[in-house]
Protein backbone atom coordinates (compact mmCIF):
# COMPACT_ATOMS: atom_id res chain seq x y z
CA MET A 1 85.25 137.06 -75.18
CA THR A 2 82.34 134.86 -76.26
CA THR A 3 78.86 136.18 -76.91
CA ALA A 4 75.59 134.33 -76.54
CA LYS A 5 74.06 133.03 -79.71
CA ALA A 6 70.74 134.45 -80.84
CA PRO A 7 67.90 132.00 -80.16
CA SER A 8 66.24 130.38 -83.15
CA ALA A 9 63.25 132.31 -84.51
CA ALA A 10 61.49 129.03 -85.25
CA PRO A 11 60.14 126.70 -82.53
CA LEU A 12 62.57 123.96 -81.53
CA SER A 13 61.79 120.35 -82.43
CA GLY A 14 63.41 117.33 -80.81
CA TRP A 15 63.99 115.78 -77.40
CA LEU A 16 65.46 117.08 -74.17
CA ILE A 17 66.15 114.25 -71.72
CA LEU A 18 65.74 115.59 -68.20
CA ASP A 19 67.30 114.02 -65.14
CA LYS A 20 64.17 114.69 -63.11
CA PRO A 21 64.88 115.39 -59.46
CA ARG A 22 62.96 113.76 -56.65
CA GLY A 23 59.98 115.82 -55.56
CA MET A 24 59.11 117.16 -59.02
CA GLY A 25 56.16 115.85 -61.01
CA SER A 26 56.37 115.16 -64.75
CA THR A 27 54.05 118.05 -65.59
CA GLN A 28 56.22 120.29 -63.43
CA GLY A 29 59.18 119.17 -65.55
CA VAL A 30 57.32 120.26 -68.68
CA SER A 31 56.48 123.60 -67.05
CA ALA A 32 60.14 124.10 -66.09
CA VAL A 33 61.25 123.59 -69.71
CA LYS A 34 58.57 125.99 -70.96
CA ARG A 35 59.72 128.58 -68.45
CA VAL A 36 63.38 128.21 -69.49
CA LEU A 37 62.43 128.68 -73.16
CA ARG A 38 60.28 131.69 -72.41
CA GLN A 39 62.79 133.41 -70.13
CA ASN A 40 65.60 133.03 -72.63
CA GLY A 41 63.86 134.38 -75.70
CA TYR A 42 63.10 131.16 -77.58
CA ALA A 43 60.11 130.98 -79.89
CA LYS A 44 56.91 129.67 -78.33
CA THR A 45 57.21 125.89 -78.54
CA LYS A 46 54.83 123.04 -77.83
CA VAL A 47 56.24 120.90 -75.00
CA GLY A 48 55.16 117.50 -73.64
CA HIS A 49 56.62 114.55 -71.76
CA GLY A 50 57.09 110.99 -72.87
CA GLY A 51 55.87 109.06 -69.84
CA THR A 52 54.90 110.00 -66.30
CA LEU A 53 57.50 109.66 -63.55
CA ASP A 54 56.19 109.82 -59.97
CA PRO A 55 57.28 112.85 -57.92
CA LEU A 56 59.15 110.52 -55.54
CA ALA A 57 61.01 108.95 -58.46
CA GLU A 58 64.00 110.49 -60.19
CA GLY A 59 65.84 109.96 -63.44
CA VAL A 60 65.14 109.82 -67.17
CA LEU A 61 62.19 111.95 -68.27
CA PRO A 62 61.99 112.48 -72.06
CA ILE A 63 60.69 115.98 -72.85
CA ALA A 64 59.35 116.40 -76.40
CA LEU A 65 59.57 119.77 -78.11
CA GLY A 66 57.76 120.95 -81.24
CA GLU A 67 57.15 118.22 -83.80
CA ALA A 68 58.54 115.58 -81.41
CA THR A 69 55.39 115.99 -79.30
CA LYS A 70 53.63 113.99 -82.04
CA LEU A 71 55.73 111.03 -80.89
CA ALA A 72 55.33 111.47 -77.13
CA GLY A 73 52.50 108.93 -77.08
CA ARG A 74 54.85 106.28 -78.45
CA MET A 75 57.02 106.70 -75.36
CA LEU A 76 54.09 105.60 -73.20
CA ASP A 77 54.23 102.20 -74.89
CA ALA A 78 58.01 101.86 -74.54
CA SER A 79 59.72 99.65 -71.98
CA LYS A 80 61.56 101.21 -69.05
CA ILE A 81 64.44 100.31 -66.74
CA TYR A 82 64.40 101.22 -63.05
CA ALA A 83 66.73 100.89 -60.08
CA PHE A 84 64.77 100.64 -56.83
CA THR A 85 65.36 99.87 -53.19
CA ILE A 86 62.95 97.81 -51.08
CA ALA A 87 63.09 98.39 -47.32
CA PHE A 88 61.88 95.23 -45.56
CA GLY A 89 59.77 95.14 -42.41
CA ALA A 90 57.11 97.77 -43.11
CA GLU A 91 54.45 98.32 -45.75
CA THR A 92 52.99 101.78 -46.19
CA SER A 93 49.66 102.96 -47.58
CA THR A 94 51.37 104.44 -50.64
CA LEU A 95 53.98 101.64 -50.92
CA ASP A 96 56.71 104.30 -50.67
CA THR A 97 58.09 106.68 -48.05
CA GLU A 98 55.17 109.13 -48.27
CA GLY A 99 52.50 106.93 -46.71
CA GLU A 100 51.77 105.79 -43.19
CA VAL A 101 52.81 102.32 -42.04
CA ILE A 102 49.94 99.86 -42.40
CA ALA A 103 51.75 96.55 -41.75
CA THR A 104 54.98 95.41 -40.12
CA SER A 105 57.02 92.22 -39.97
CA ASP A 106 60.10 91.06 -38.07
CA VAL A 107 61.14 88.80 -40.96
CA ARG A 108 64.28 89.87 -42.84
CA PRO A 109 65.18 87.77 -45.90
CA SER A 110 68.64 86.56 -46.85
CA LEU A 111 70.31 87.43 -50.12
CA ALA A 112 69.86 83.82 -51.25
CA ALA A 113 66.13 84.02 -50.54
CA VAL A 114 65.84 87.19 -52.63
CA GLU A 115 67.81 85.62 -55.47
CA ALA A 116 65.56 82.56 -55.39
CA VAL A 117 62.30 84.49 -55.55
CA LEU A 118 63.13 86.84 -58.44
CA ALA A 119 62.40 84.20 -61.09
CA ARG A 120 58.76 84.20 -59.95
CA PHE A 121 58.55 87.87 -60.94
CA THR A 122 60.27 87.61 -64.31
CA GLY A 123 58.29 87.28 -67.53
CA PRO A 124 54.54 87.86 -67.89
CA ILE A 125 52.99 88.49 -64.46
CA GLU A 126 49.80 89.88 -62.95
CA GLN A 127 50.00 92.76 -60.49
CA VAL A 128 47.51 94.90 -58.60
CA PRO A 129 48.32 98.61 -59.04
CA PRO A 130 48.77 100.75 -55.91
CA ALA A 131 45.67 102.41 -54.47
CA TYR A 132 47.68 105.63 -54.68
CA SER A 133 47.97 105.69 -58.47
CA ALA A 134 46.65 107.86 -61.28
CA LEU A 135 44.34 105.13 -62.58
CA LYS A 136 40.69 106.18 -62.74
CA VAL A 137 37.94 104.50 -60.72
CA ASP A 138 34.44 105.56 -61.74
CA GLY A 139 35.83 108.73 -63.28
CA GLN A 140 38.04 109.71 -60.34
CA ARG A 141 41.77 109.20 -59.85
CA ALA A 142 42.47 106.31 -57.48
CA TYR A 143 44.80 108.47 -55.37
CA ASP A 144 42.05 111.08 -54.89
CA ARG A 145 39.68 108.40 -53.60
CA ALA A 146 42.40 106.89 -51.38
CA ARG A 147 43.28 110.31 -49.92
CA ALA A 148 39.59 110.84 -49.17
CA GLY A 149 39.67 107.73 -47.00
CA GLU A 150 37.98 105.33 -49.42
CA VAL A 151 39.12 101.73 -49.70
CA VAL A 152 40.30 101.51 -53.30
CA GLU A 153 40.35 98.09 -54.93
CA LEU A 154 41.93 97.95 -58.37
CA PRO A 155 41.83 94.88 -60.63
CA ALA A 156 45.03 92.99 -61.40
CA ARG A 157 46.63 93.79 -64.74
CA ALA A 158 49.00 91.87 -66.98
CA VAL A 159 52.51 93.30 -67.34
CA THR A 160 55.87 91.90 -68.38
CA ILE A 161 59.12 91.98 -66.41
CA TYR A 162 61.81 91.42 -69.05
CA ALA A 163 64.67 91.25 -66.55
CA LEU A 164 65.02 91.51 -62.77
CA GLU A 165 68.33 91.37 -60.96
CA ILE A 166 70.07 92.37 -57.75
CA SER A 167 72.14 95.53 -58.03
CA ASP A 168 74.62 94.56 -55.30
CA GLY A 169 75.06 90.87 -54.56
CA LEU A 170 77.75 91.25 -51.86
CA GLN A 171 75.44 91.58 -48.87
CA THR A 172 75.34 88.90 -46.20
CA GLY A 173 73.07 87.98 -43.32
CA ALA A 174 69.51 89.19 -42.87
CA LEU A 175 68.75 92.09 -45.17
CA SER A 176 67.04 95.28 -44.05
CA GLU A 177 66.88 96.40 -47.68
CA ILE A 178 67.85 95.37 -51.21
CA THR A 179 68.34 97.33 -54.43
CA LEU A 180 67.09 95.73 -57.66
CA ILE A 181 67.24 96.59 -61.36
CA ALA A 182 64.06 95.92 -63.37
CA HIS A 183 63.43 96.15 -67.12
CA VAL A 184 59.66 96.36 -67.43
CA SER A 185 56.81 96.81 -69.90
CA LYS A 186 54.46 99.76 -69.99
CA GLY A 187 51.93 99.80 -67.19
CA THR A 188 54.23 98.20 -64.61
CA TYR A 189 54.14 99.69 -61.12
CA ILE A 190 57.48 99.31 -59.36
CA ARG A 191 55.85 99.99 -55.98
CA SER A 192 53.51 97.02 -56.54
CA LEU A 193 56.43 94.87 -57.67
CA ALA A 194 58.31 95.72 -54.47
CA ARG A 195 55.26 94.94 -52.33
CA ASP A 196 54.74 91.59 -54.01
CA ILE A 197 58.41 90.57 -53.79
CA ALA A 198 58.43 91.36 -50.07
CA GLN A 199 55.25 89.35 -49.52
CA ALA A 200 56.69 86.41 -51.44
CA LEU A 201 59.64 86.52 -49.03
CA GLY A 202 57.30 86.20 -46.07
CA THR A 203 57.63 89.81 -44.98
CA CYS A 204 56.45 93.23 -46.08
CA GLY A 205 58.21 96.18 -47.64
CA HIS A 206 58.04 99.52 -49.39
CA VAL A 207 60.11 101.50 -51.90
CA THR A 208 62.58 104.00 -50.45
CA TYR A 209 64.48 104.82 -53.66
CA LEU A 210 63.35 104.78 -57.30
CA ARG A 211 65.33 105.92 -60.32
CA ARG A 212 64.46 105.45 -63.98
CA THR A 213 67.64 104.80 -65.95
CA LYS A 214 66.11 104.16 -69.38
CA ALA A 215 62.85 105.13 -71.11
CA GLY A 216 62.41 103.68 -74.59
CA PRO A 217 65.60 104.51 -76.51
CA PHE A 218 66.68 107.23 -74.05
CA ILE A 219 69.34 106.42 -71.46
CA GLU A 220 70.68 107.92 -68.26
CA ALA A 221 73.88 109.15 -69.93
CA GLN A 222 71.78 111.48 -72.12
CA ALA A 223 69.92 113.03 -69.19
CA ILE A 224 70.64 116.62 -68.13
CA SER A 225 69.87 118.45 -64.91
CA LEU A 226 67.53 121.42 -64.76
CA ASP A 227 70.50 123.56 -63.71
CA LEU A 228 72.42 122.60 -66.86
CA LEU A 229 69.32 123.20 -68.97
CA ASP A 230 68.90 126.69 -67.53
CA GLU A 231 72.60 127.53 -67.82
CA THR A 232 72.75 126.35 -71.44
CA ALA A 233 69.58 128.26 -72.36
CA LYS A 234 71.06 131.48 -70.97
CA GLY A 235 73.93 131.02 -73.44
CA ARG A 236 71.38 130.39 -76.22
CA GLY A 237 72.77 126.90 -76.69
CA LEU A 238 69.76 124.66 -76.18
CA GLU A 239 70.13 123.30 -79.71
CA ASP A 240 73.37 121.68 -78.52
CA LEU A 241 71.43 119.66 -75.91
CA LEU A 242 68.53 118.79 -78.20
CA LEU A 243 68.32 115.26 -79.59
CA PRO A 244 66.71 114.99 -83.05
CA LEU A 245 63.09 113.99 -83.48
CA GLU A 246 64.13 110.62 -84.92
CA ALA A 247 66.05 109.77 -81.73
CA GLY A 248 62.69 108.58 -80.41
CA LEU A 249 62.35 106.21 -83.35
CA ASP A 250 65.59 104.26 -83.20
CA ASP A 251 63.80 100.98 -83.92
CA ILE A 252 61.98 102.28 -87.03
CA PRO A 253 63.66 101.75 -90.42
CA ALA A 254 64.07 104.75 -92.74
CA LEU A 255 62.17 105.19 -95.99
CA ASN A 256 64.09 107.57 -98.27
CA LEU A 257 61.92 109.81 -100.46
CA ASP A 258 62.66 112.04 -103.43
CA GLN A 259 61.29 115.57 -103.62
CA THR A 260 58.19 114.54 -105.57
CA SER A 261 57.29 111.71 -103.18
CA ALA A 262 57.97 113.91 -100.15
CA GLN A 263 55.58 116.53 -101.50
CA ALA A 264 52.91 113.88 -102.04
CA VAL A 265 53.37 112.57 -98.49
CA ARG A 266 53.11 116.09 -97.05
CA GLN A 267 49.78 116.40 -98.85
CA GLY A 268 48.64 113.18 -97.18
CA ARG A 269 48.65 111.17 -100.37
CA VAL A 270 49.24 107.43 -100.60
CA LEU A 271 52.39 106.03 -102.22
CA SER A 272 51.86 102.91 -104.30
CA ASP A 273 54.02 100.06 -105.62
CA MET A 274 56.47 100.27 -102.73
CA PRO A 275 59.03 97.42 -102.77
CA GLN A 276 59.62 97.47 -99.01
CA SER A 277 58.13 94.84 -96.72
CA SER A 278 55.05 95.73 -94.72
CA GLY A 279 55.57 97.66 -91.50
CA LEU A 280 56.18 101.08 -89.95
CA TYR A 281 58.79 103.41 -91.52
CA LEU A 282 60.23 106.86 -90.95
CA ALA A 283 59.94 108.62 -94.30
CA LYS A 284 62.76 111.14 -94.85
CA LEU A 285 63.80 113.64 -97.48
CA GLY A 286 67.55 113.57 -97.13
CA SER A 287 68.10 113.96 -93.37
CA VAL A 288 64.74 115.62 -92.69
CA PRO A 289 61.90 113.51 -91.23
CA VAL A 290 58.73 113.87 -93.31
CA ALA A 291 56.30 111.38 -91.79
CA LEU A 292 55.75 108.11 -90.02
CA MET A 293 54.29 105.81 -92.66
CA GLU A 294 52.74 102.37 -92.63
CA ILE A 295 53.46 100.14 -95.62
CA SER A 296 50.97 97.36 -96.25
CA ASP A 297 51.20 95.17 -99.34
CA GLY A 298 53.13 97.80 -101.27
CA THR A 299 50.95 100.77 -100.28
CA ALA A 300 52.36 103.44 -97.95
CA THR A 301 49.97 105.61 -95.96
CA VAL A 302 50.76 108.47 -93.58
CA VAL A 303 50.42 107.67 -89.88
CA ARG A 304 51.82 110.97 -88.60
CA GLY A 305 53.20 113.85 -90.63
CA PHE A 306 55.95 116.23 -89.49
CA ASN A 307 56.13 119.91 -90.36
CA LEU A 308 59.88 120.46 -90.58
CA PRO A 309 61.82 122.61 -93.07
CA ASP A 310 63.74 120.82 -95.80
CA VAL A 311 66.93 122.69 -94.97
CA ALA A 312 68.03 123.48 -91.43
CA GLU A 313 68.20 127.22 -90.86
């Protein structure tokens, strides 16, 4: 007979990668994690998310716990990968299945036509965000203004589409829909991309399916369902699902410190005469992250300090 482990007395620090279900907002995902922690006796822990995912979208939602919340902002700047389906023939007010139809077309593109147009949407592009978005217009969210019946006009913004490809290239004839895979920069709206691709094909369209498969360094294979999260927490095993804080910094080289240097860094002091090249580093004492540090011309300064114990309890 196995017994549940006692929850840690200290707040957890690290990443839980949720497989967010359709219909749940990102802040609701954060609230769900907080509730699971609270109901299962874990210490009060700061929780945040690493990048908004629309309620109608599903997939990878990084949830930062404890000291990892200091890195959540970095996730906003990270690139993302999405799988999405465009249904041709109708454009909606929200550019997805929630809105009312505002335009229709009898044109249905061929697979060859879709393949030919994708190059126009790869690389640096300009796109107009959806009227139903969280962007602010004169202090109000665009979607609030749009829902109030206002005509919302947002300026075009520069984004980058690193890769854009067809998920299934076996279809023939006129297409009623197509599923694409897009690797995009921060600030890219997939709904706008779908709208613009459909228009370039001489028709109109909207998104019927949207799944994020990668957010920064976090991938779909690491994502867990809310049911698994809850079940694991009841067995006091959340630590087994938790990815370390540094998992969000896989592109940052390590800077190994001794005890004296680590103490200086924790006090916010500058380290001098560093032989490393200039750039951002993850300073560590053994395996424990101490701080994000910026080295410039041999001088290392603290960008963000972490309050983690030297020895895991």
